[in-house]
């Protein structure tokens, strides 16, 4: 699963050719969430509250970049890198 970004111990990844809705995976110390890109809703999993807030902030500030990465991944292309917080 390609890595998009890494900050504050959090790793953000996106599967190539993954299922809808558009989302990404965030991991921190063995925990993982799947977060919807458009509404920042946690689809699955759990992170500590502070890390969850950081991921939400990052995703809110980079929604357009995340959607572009999702479109590339949907075409079986590498999603690319996105700047950290």
PDB file of N, CA and C in Angstrom:
ATOM      1  N   UNK A   1       0.852  -1.161   0.000  1.00  0.00           N
ATOM      2  CA  UNK A   1       0.000   0.000   0.000  1.00  0.00           C
ATOM      3  C   UNK A   1       0.905   1.234   0.000  1.00  0.00           C
ATOM      4  N   UNK A   2       0.843   2.069  -1.023  1.00  0.00           N
ATOM      5  CA  UNK A   2       1.732   3.232  -1.123  1.00  0.00           C
ATOM      6  C   UNK A   2       1.512   4.244   0.003  1.00  0.00           C
ATOM      7  N   UNK A   3       2.605   4.797   0.472  1.00  0.00           N
ATOM      8  CA  UNK A   3       2.575   5.811   1.518  1.00  0.00           C
ATOM      9  C   UNK A   3       2.419   7.189   0.890  1.00  0.00           C
ATOM     10  N   UNK A   4       1.448   7.959   1.397  1.00  0.00           N
ATOM     11  CA  UNK A   4       1.225   9.328   0.922  1.00  0.00           C
ATOM     12  C   UNK A   4       1.971  10.342   1.769  1.00  0.00           C
ATOM     13  N   UNK A   5       2.019  10.085   3.083  1.00  0.00           N
ATOM     14  CA  UNK A   5       2.541  11.095   3.994  1.00  0.00           C
ATOM     15  C   UNK A   5       2.875  10.458   5.334  1.00  0.00           C
ATOM     16  N   UNK A   6       3.735  11.159   6.094  1.00  0.00           N
ATOM     17  CA  UNK A   6       4.111  10.712   7.434  1.00  0.00           C
ATOM     18  C   UNK A   6       4.338  11.960   8.283  1.00  0.00           C
ATOM     19  N   UNK A   7       3.677  12.026   9.441  1.00  0.00           N
ATOM     20  CA  UNK A   7       3.868  13.145  10.365  1.00  0.00           C
ATOM     21  C   UNK A   7       3.431  12.730  11.768  1.00  0.00           C
ATOM     22  N   UNK A   8       4.100  13.249  12.784  1.00  0.00           N
ATOM     23  CA  UNK A   8       3.763  13.015  14.190  1.00  0.00           C
ATOM     24  C   UNK A   8       3.570  11.528  14.514  1.00  0.00           C
ATOM     25  N   UNK A   9       4.354  10.679  13.871  1.00  0.00           N
ATOM     26  CA  UNK A   9       4.241   9.241  14.103  1.00  0.00           C
ATOM     27  C   UNK A   9       3.097   8.567  13.362  1.00  0.00           C
ATOM     28  N   UNK A  10       2.354   9.336  12.579  1.00  0.00           N
ATOM     29  CA  UNK A  10       1.200   8.836  11.820  1.00  0.00           C
ATOM     30  C   UNK A  10       1.644   8.573  10.389  1.00  0.00           C
ATOM     31  N   UNK A  11       1.227   7.451   9.834  1.00  0.00           N
ATOM     32  CA  UNK A  11       1.526   7.123   8.439  1.00  0.00           C
ATOM     33  C   UNK A  11       0.202   7.067   7.675  1.00  0.00           C
ATOM     34  N   UNK A  12       0.148   7.797   6.558  1.00  0.00           N
ATOM     35  CA  UNK A  12      -1.038   7.849   5.715  1.00  0.00           C
ATOM     36  C   UNK A  12      -0.745   7.054   4.447  1.00  0.00           C
ATOM     37  N   UNK A  13      -1.643   6.124   4.123  1.00  0.00           N
ATOM     38  CA  UNK A  13      -1.477   5.283   2.931  1.00  0.00           C
ATOM     39  C   UNK A  13      -2.788   5.211   2.154  1.00  0.00           C
ATOM     40  N   UNK A  14      -2.668   4.764   0.904  1.00  0.00           N
ATOM     41  CA  UNK A  14      -3.839   4.580   0.052  1.00  0.00           C
ATOM     42  C   UNK A  14      -3.603   3.356  -0.829  1.00  0.00           C
ATOM     43  N   UNK A  15      -4.585   2.463  -0.857  1.00  0.00           N
ATOM     44  CA  UNK A  15      -4.503   1.290  -1.725  1.00  0.00           C
ATOM     45  C   UNK A  15      -4.702   1.702  -3.177  1.00  0.00           C
ATOM     46  N   UNK A  16      -3.977   1.074  -4.062  1.00  0.00           N
ATOM     47  CA  UNK A  16      -4.220   1.251  -5.494  1.00  0.00           C
ATOM     48  C   UNK A  16      -5.409   0.375  -5.864  1.00  0.00           C
ATOM     49  N   UNK A  17      -6.386   0.952  -6.583  1.00  0.00           N
ATOM     50  CA  UNK A  17      -7.564   0.202  -7.015  1.00  0.00           C
ATOM     51  C   UNK A  17      -8.502  -0.162  -5.879  1.00  0.00           C
ATOM     52  N   UNK A  18      -8.516   0.617  -4.788  1.00  0.00           N
ATOM     53  CA  UNK A  18      -9.345   0.310  -3.623  1.00  0.00           C
ATOM     54  C   UNK A  18     -10.822   0.591  -3.911  1.00  0.00           C
ATOM     55  N   UNK A  19     -11.683   0.095  -3.031  1.00  0.00           N
ATOM     56  CA  UNK A  19     -13.133   0.220  -3.153  1.00  0.00           C
ATOM     57  C   UNK A  19     -13.606   1.617  -2.736  1.00  0.00           C
ATOM     58  N   UNK A  20     -14.784   1.993  -3.229  1.00  0.00           N
ATOM     59  CA  UNK A  20     -15.424   3.256  -2.835  1.00  0.00           C
ATOM     60  C   UNK A  20     -15.988   3.095  -1.434  1.00  0.00           C
ATOM     61  N   UNK A  21     -16.239   4.170  -0.731  1.00  0.00           N
ATOM     62  CA  UNK A  21     -16.046   5.575  -1.083  1.00  0.00           C
ATOM     63  C   UNK A  21     -14.570   5.953  -1.020  1.00  0.00           C
ATOM     64  N   UNK A  22     -14.210   7.078  -1.653  1.00  0.00           N
ATOM     65  CA  UNK A  22     -12.823   7.530  -1.602  1.00  0.00           C
ATOM     66  C   UNK A  22     -12.371   7.684  -0.144  1.00  0.00           C
ATOM     67  N   UNK A  23     -11.271   7.022   0.201  1.00  0.00           N
ATOM     68  CA  UNK A  23     -10.784   7.041   1.572  1.00  0.00           C
ATOM     69  C   UNK A  23      -9.288   6.778   1.591  1.00  0.00           C
ATOM     70  N   UNK A  24      -8.717   6.949   2.779  1.00  0.00           N
ATOM     71  CA  UNK A  24      -7.307   6.623   2.982  1.00  0.00           C
ATOM     72  C   UNK A  24      -7.182   5.905   4.320  1.00  0.00           C
ATOM     73  N   UNK A  25      -6.015   5.342   4.559  1.00  0.00           N
ATOM     74  CA  UNK A  25      -5.718   4.610   5.782  1.00  0.00           C
ATOM     75  C   UNK A  25      -4.685   5.405   6.575  1.00  0.00           C
ATOM     76  N   UNK A  26      -4.899   5.553   7.868  1.00  0.00           N
ATOM     77  CA  UNK A  26      -3.942   6.216   8.752  1.00  0.00           C
ATOM     78  C   UNK A  26      -3.595   5.244   9.876  1.00  0.00           C
ATOM     79  N   UNK A  27      -2.298   5.072  10.124  1.00  0.00           N
ATOM     80  CA  UNK A  27      -1.863   4.180  11.198  1.00  0.00           C
ATOM     81  C   UNK A  27      -1.012   4.950  12.193  1.00  0.00           C
ATOM     82  N   UNK A  28      -1.124   4.507  13.454  1.00  0.00           N
ATOM     83  CA  UNK A  28      -0.331   5.089  14.527  1.00  0.00           C
ATOM     84  C   UNK A  28      -0.159   4.019  15.600  1.00  0.00           C
ATOM     85  N   UNK A  29       1.081   3.665  15.869  1.00  0.00           N
ATOM     86  CA  UNK A  29       1.423   2.685  16.901  1.00  0.00           C
ATOM     87  C   UNK A  29       0.554   1.429  16.860  1.00  0.00           C
ATOM     88  N   UNK A  30       0.425   0.855  15.686  1.00  0.00           N
ATOM     89  CA  UNK A  30      -0.304  -0.395  15.526  1.00  0.00           C
ATOM     90  C   UNK A  30      -1.814  -0.255  15.384  1.00  0.00           C
ATOM     91  N   UNK A  31      -2.334   0.946  15.521  1.00  0.00           N
ATOM     92  CA  UNK A  31      -3.768   1.181  15.324  1.00  0.00           C
ATOM     93  C   UNK A  31      -3.988   1.774  13.942  1.00  0.00           C
ATOM     94  N   UNK A  32      -5.159   1.531  13.378  1.00  0.00           N
ATOM     95  CA  UNK A  32      -5.446   2.013  12.026  1.00  0.00           C
ATOM     96  C   UNK A  32      -6.891   2.485  11.921  1.00  0.00           C
ATOM     97  N   UNK A  33      -7.068   3.526  11.103  1.00  0.00           N
ATOM     98  CA  UNK A  33      -8.410   3.956  10.716  1.00  0.00           C
ATOM     99  C   UNK A  33      -8.467   4.036   9.201  1.00  0.00           C
ATOM    100  N   UNK A  34      -9.669   3.943   8.692  1.00  0.00           N
ATOM    101  CA  UNK A  34      -9.966   4.284   7.306  1.00  0.00           C
ATOM    102  C   UNK A  34     -10.842   5.526   7.391  1.00  0.00           C
ATOM    103  N   UNK A  35     -10.443   6.603   6.709  1.00  0.00           N
ATOM    104  CA  UNK A  35     -11.172   7.858   6.784  1.00  0.00           C
ATOM    105  C   UNK A  35     -11.654   8.275   5.398  1.00  0.00           C
ATOM    106  N   UNK A  36     -12.926   8.640   5.331  1.00  0.00           N
ATOM    107  CA  UNK A  36     -13.516   9.154   4.107  1.00  0.00           C
ATOM    108  C   UNK A  36     -12.863  10.492   3.762  1.00  0.00           C
ATOM    109  N   UNK A  37     -12.519  10.681   2.502  1.00  0.00           N
ATOM    110  CA  UNK A  37     -11.865  11.921   2.085  1.00  0.00           C
ATOM    111  C   UNK A  37     -12.843  13.087   2.112  1.00  0.00           C
ATOM    112  N   UNK A  38     -14.040  12.888   1.606  1.00  0.00           N
ATOM    113  CA  UNK A  38     -14.969  14.009   1.439  1.00  0.00           C
ATOM    114  C   UNK A  38     -15.553  14.549   2.745  1.00  0.00           C
ATOM    115  N   UNK A  39     -15.865  13.682   3.690  1.00  0.00           N
ATOM    116  CA  UNK A  39     -16.487  14.185   4.921  1.00  0.00           C
ATOM    117  C   UNK A  39     -15.674  13.877   6.174  1.00  0.00           C
ATOM    118  N   UNK A  40     -14.476  13.318   6.016  1.00  0.00           N
ATOM    119  CA  UNK A  40     -13.576  12.988   7.116  1.00  0.00           C
ATOM    120  C   UNK A  40     -14.235  12.125   8.174  1.00  0.00           C
ATOM    121  N   UNK A  41     -15.159  11.290   7.750  1.00  0.00           N
ATOM    122  CA  UNK A  41     -15.815  10.340   8.653  1.00  0.00           C
ATOM    123  C   UNK A  41     -14.930   9.106   8.787  1.00  0.00           C
ATOM    124  N   UNK A  42     -14.784   8.606  10.007  1.00  0.00           N
ATOM    125  CA  UNK A  42     -14.014   7.376  10.211  1.00  0.00           C
ATOM    126  C   UNK A  42     -14.903   6.208   9.820  1.00  0.00           C
ATOM    127  N   UNK A  43     -14.459   5.476   8.805  1.00  0.00           N
ATOM    128  CA  UNK A  43     -15.222   4.350   8.276  1.00  0.00           C
ATOM    129  C   UNK A  43     -14.965   3.072   9.065  1.00  0.00           C
ATOM    130  N   UNK A  44     -13.766   2.968   9.611  1.00  0.00           N
ATOM    131  CA  UNK A  44     -13.382   1.743  10.302  1.00  0.00           C
ATOM    132  C   UNK A  44     -12.175   2.043  11.183  1.00  0.00           C
ATOM    133  N   UNK A  45     -12.108   1.420  12.345  1.00  0.00           N
ATOM    134  CA  UNK A  45     -10.943   1.515  13.202  1.00  0.00           C
ATOM    135  C   UNK A  45     -11.006   2.662  14.189  1.00  0.00           C
ATOM    136  N   UNK A  46      -9.876   2.849  14.876  1.00  0.00           N
ATOM    137  CA  UNK A  46      -9.798   3.875  15.909  1.00  0.00           C
ATOM    138  C   UNK A  46      -8.347   4.274  16.141  1.00  0.00           C
ATOM    139  N   UNK A  47      -8.121   5.567  16.353  1.00  0.00           N
ATOM    140  CA  UNK A  47      -6.831   6.106  16.766  1.00  0.00           C
ATOM    141  C   UNK A  47      -7.042   6.839  18.093  1.00  0.00           C
ATOM    142  N   UNK A  48      -5.962   7.101  18.827  1.00  0.00           N
ATOM    143  CA  UNK A  48      -6.102   7.948  20.007  1.00  0.00           C
ATOM    144  C   UNK A  48      -6.681   9.315  19.595  1.00  0.00           C
ATOM    145  N   UNK A  49      -7.394   9.982  20.492  1.00  0.00           N
ATOM    146  CA  UNK A  49      -8.055  11.247  20.141  1.00  0.00           C
ATOM    147  C   UNK A  49      -7.132  12.305  19.521  1.00  0.00           C
ATOM    148  N   UNK A  50      -5.950  12.511  20.066  1.00  0.00           N
ATOM    149  CA  UNK A  50      -5.044  13.527  19.519  1.00  0.00           C
ATOM    150  C   UNK A  50      -4.652  13.198  18.080  1.00  0.00           C
ATOM    151  N   UNK A  51      -4.295  11.954  17.817  1.00  0.00           N
ATOM    152  CA  UNK A  51      -3.885  11.558  16.472  1.00  0.00           C
ATOM    153  C   UNK A  51      -5.077  11.621  15.508  1.00  0.00           C
ATOM    154  N   UNK A  52      -6.238  11.268  15.979  1.00  0.00           N
ATOM    155  CA  UNK A  52      -7.436  11.363  15.148  1.00  0.00           C
ATOM    156  C   UNK A  52      -7.694  12.821  14.743  1.00  0.00           C
ATOM    157  N   UNK A  53      -7.530  13.744  15.688  1.00  0.00           N
ATOM    158  CA  UNK A  53      -7.700  15.173  15.375  1.00  0.00           C
ATOM    159  C   UNK A  53      -6.664  15.641  14.359  1.00  0.00           C
ATOM    160  N   UNK A  54      -5.416  15.204  14.514  1.00  0.00           N
ATOM    161  CA  UNK A  54      -4.370  15.592  13.565  1.00  0.00           C
ATOM    162  C   UNK A  54      -4.661  15.071  12.167  1.00  0.00           C
ATOM    163  N   UNK A  55      -5.098  13.825  12.074  1.00  0.00           N
ATOM    164  CA  UNK A  55      -5.428  13.249  10.765  1.00  0.00           C
ATOM    165  C   UNK A  55      -6.594  14.012  10.137  1.00  0.00           C
ATOM    166  N   UNK A  56      -7.609  14.336  10.928  1.00  0.00           N
ATOM    167  CA  UNK A  56      -8.758  15.084  10.419  1.00  0.00           C
ATOM    168  C   UNK A  56      -8.320  16.462   9.921  1.00  0.00           C
ATOM    169  N   UNK A  57      -7.487  17.151  10.690  1.00  0.00           N
ATOM    170  CA  UNK A  57      -6.984  18.464  10.270  1.00  0.00           C
ATOM    171  C   UNK A  57      -6.205  18.351   8.970  1.00  0.00           C
ATOM    172  N   UNK A  58      -5.304  17.380   8.908  1.00  0.00           N
ATOM    173  CA  UNK A  58      -4.487  17.178   7.706  1.00  0.00           C
ATOM    174  C   UNK A  58      -5.379  16.915   6.496  1.00  0.00           C
ATOM    175  N   UNK A  59      -6.354  16.028   6.646  1.00  0.00           N
ATOM    176  CA  UNK A  59      -7.238  15.667   5.531  1.00  0.00           C
ATOM    177  C   UNK A  59      -8.110  16.839   5.097  1.00  0.00           C
ATOM    178  N   UNK A  60      -8.553  17.644   6.046  1.00  0.00           N
ATOM    179  CA  UNK A  60      -9.372  18.809   5.715  1.00  0.00           C
ATOM    180  C   UNK A  60      -8.564  19.798   4.883  1.00  0.00           C
ATOM    181  N   UNK A  61      -7.331  20.040   5.272  1.00  0.00           N
ATOM    182  CA  UNK A  61      -6.473  20.990   4.561  1.00  0.00           C
ATOM    183  C   UNK A  61      -6.018  20.470   3.201  1.00  0.00           C
ATOM    184  N   UNK A  62      -6.087  19.170   2.994  1.00  0.00           N
ATOM    185  CA  UNK A  62      -5.547  18.576   1.757  1.00  0.00           C
ATOM    186  C   UNK A  62      -6.584  17.761   0.987  1.00  0.00           C
ATOM    187  N   UNK A  63      -7.841  18.106   1.125  1.00  0.00           N
ATOM    188  CA  UNK A  63      -8.913  17.349   0.471  1.00  0.00           C
ATOM    189  C   UNK A  63      -8.708  17.250  -1.038  1.00  0.00           C
ATOM    190  N   UNK A  64      -8.415  18.357  -1.705  1.00  0.00           N
ATOM    191  CA  UNK A  64      -8.239  18.332  -3.164  1.00  0.00           C
ATOM    192  C   UNK A  64      -7.083  17.412  -3.557  1.00  0.00           C
ATOM    193  N   UNK A  65      -5.990  17.460  -2.812  1.00  0.00           N
ATOM    194  CA  UNK A  65      -4.845  16.599  -3.108  1.00  0.00           C
ATOM    195  C   UNK A  65      -5.189  15.127  -2.877  1.00  0.00           C
ATOM    196  N   UNK A  66      -5.945  14.860  -1.826  1.00  0.00           N
ATOM    197  CA  UNK A  66      -6.362  13.486  -1.548  1.00  0.00           C
ATOM    198  C   UNK A  66      -7.278  12.950  -2.641  1.00  0.00           C
ATOM    199  N   UNK A  67      -8.205  13.776  -3.115  1.00  0.00           N
ATOM    200  CA  UNK A  67      -9.099  13.333  -4.192  1.00  0.00           C
ATOM    201  C   UNK A  67      -8.328  13.080  -5.481  1.00  0.00           C
ATOM    202  N   UNK A  68      -7.316  13.906  -5.752  1.00  0.00           N
ATOM    203  CA  UNK A  68      -6.476  13.678  -6.936  1.00  0.00           C
ATOM    204  C   UNK A  68      -5.679  12.385  -6.777  1.00  0.00           C
ATOM    205  N   UNK A  69      -5.169  12.127  -5.582  1.00  0.00           N
ATOM    206  CA  UNK A  69      -4.442  10.876  -5.325  1.00  0.00           C
ATOM    207  C   UNK A  69      -5.375   9.686  -5.493  1.00  0.00           C
ATOM    208  N   UNK A  70      -6.620   9.802  -4.997  1.00  0.00           N
ATOM    209  CA  UNK A  70      -7.608   8.734  -5.144  1.00  0.00           C
ATOM    210  C   UNK A  70      -7.867   8.453  -6.633  1.00  0.00           C
ATOM    211  N   UNK A  71      -8.008   9.509  -7.433  1.00  0.00           N
ATOM    212  CA  UNK A  71      -8.261   9.331  -8.872  1.00  0.00           C
ATOM    213  C   UNK A  71      -7.091   8.598  -9.529  1.00  0.00           C
ATOM    214  N   UNK A  72      -5.861   8.955  -9.169  1.00  0.00           N
ATOM    215  CA  UNK A  72      -4.700   8.243  -9.725  1.00  0.00           C
ATOM    216  C   UNK A  72      -4.712   6.781  -9.299  1.00  0.00           C
ATOM    217  N   UNK A  73      -4.970   6.525  -8.024  1.00  0.00           N
ATOM    218  CA  UNK A  73      -4.991   5.149  -7.518  1.00  0.00           C
ATOM    219  C   UNK A  73      -6.098   4.339  -8.188  1.00  0.00           C
ATOM    220  N   UNK A  74      -7.225   4.975  -8.481  1.00  0.00           N
ATOM    221  CA  UNK A  74      -8.330   4.289  -9.158  1.00  0.00           C
ATOM    222  C   UNK A  74      -7.949   3.883 -10.581  1.00  0.00           C
ATOM    223  N   UNK A  75      -6.988   4.609 -11.166  1.00  0.00           N
ATOM    224  CA  UNK A  75      -6.485   4.268 -12.514  1.00  0.00           C
ATOM    225  C   UNK A  75      -5.288   3.319 -12.425  1.00  0.00           C
ATOM    226  N   UNK A  76      -5.093   2.705 -11.239  1.00  0.00           N
ATOM    227  CA  UNK A  76      -3.968   1.801 -10.988  1.00  0.00           C
ATOM    228  C   UNK A  76      -2.615   2.477 -11.135  1.00  0.00           C
ATOM    229  N   UNK A  77      -2.574   3.764 -10.797  1.00  0.00           N
ATOM    230  CA  UNK A  77      -1.319   4.538 -10.788  1.00  0.00           C
ATOM    231  C   UNK A  77      -0.929   4.798  -9.337  1.00  0.00           C
ATOM    232  N   UNK A  78       0.340   5.075  -9.126  1.00  0.00           N
ATOM    233  CA  UNK A  78       0.799   5.460  -7.788  1.00  0.00           C
ATOM    234  C   UNK A  78       0.112   6.770  -7.398  1.00  0.00           C
ATOM    235  N   UNK A  79      -0.420   6.853  -6.181  1.00  0.00           N
ATOM    236  CA  UNK A  79      -1.154   8.056  -5.791  1.00  0.00           C
ATOM    237  C   UNK A  79      -0.278   9.275  -5.569  1.00  0.00           C
ATOM    238  N   UNK A  80       1.019   9.086  -5.344  1.00  0.00           N
ATOM    239  CA  UNK A  80       1.923  10.222  -5.133  1.00  0.00           C
ATOM    240  C   UNK A  80       2.039  10.582  -3.662  1.00  0.00           C
ATOM    241  N   UNK A  81       2.811  11.630  -3.399  1.00  0.00           N
ATOM    242  CA  UNK A  81       3.052  12.082  -2.028  1.00  0.00           C
ATOM    243  C   UNK A  81       2.294  13.368  -1.760  1.00  0.00           C
ATOM    244  N   UNK A  82       1.937  13.565  -0.484  1.00  0.00           N
ATOM    245  CA  UNK A  82       1.241  14.775  -0.045  1.00  0.00           C
ATOM    246  C   UNK A  82       1.997  15.318   1.160  1.00  0.00           C
ATOM    247  N   UNK A  83       2.136  16.630   1.243  1.00  0.00           N
ATOM    248  CA  UNK A  83       2.878  17.278   2.316  1.00  0.00           C
ATOM    249  C   UNK A  83       2.259  17.004   3.682  1.00  0.00           C
ATOM    250  N   UNK A  84       3.083  16.886   4.712  1.00  0.00           N
ATOM    251  CA  UNK A  84       2.577  16.709   6.072  1.00  0.00           C
ATOM    252  C   UNK A  84       2.026  18.016   6.640  1.00  0.00           C
ATOM    253  N   UNK A  85       1.519  17.936   7.869  1.00  0.00           N
ATOM    254  CA  UNK A  85       1.070  19.151   8.576  1.00  0.00           C
ATOM    255  C   UNK A  85       2.233  20.074   8.812  1.00  0.00           C
TER     256      UNK A  85
END
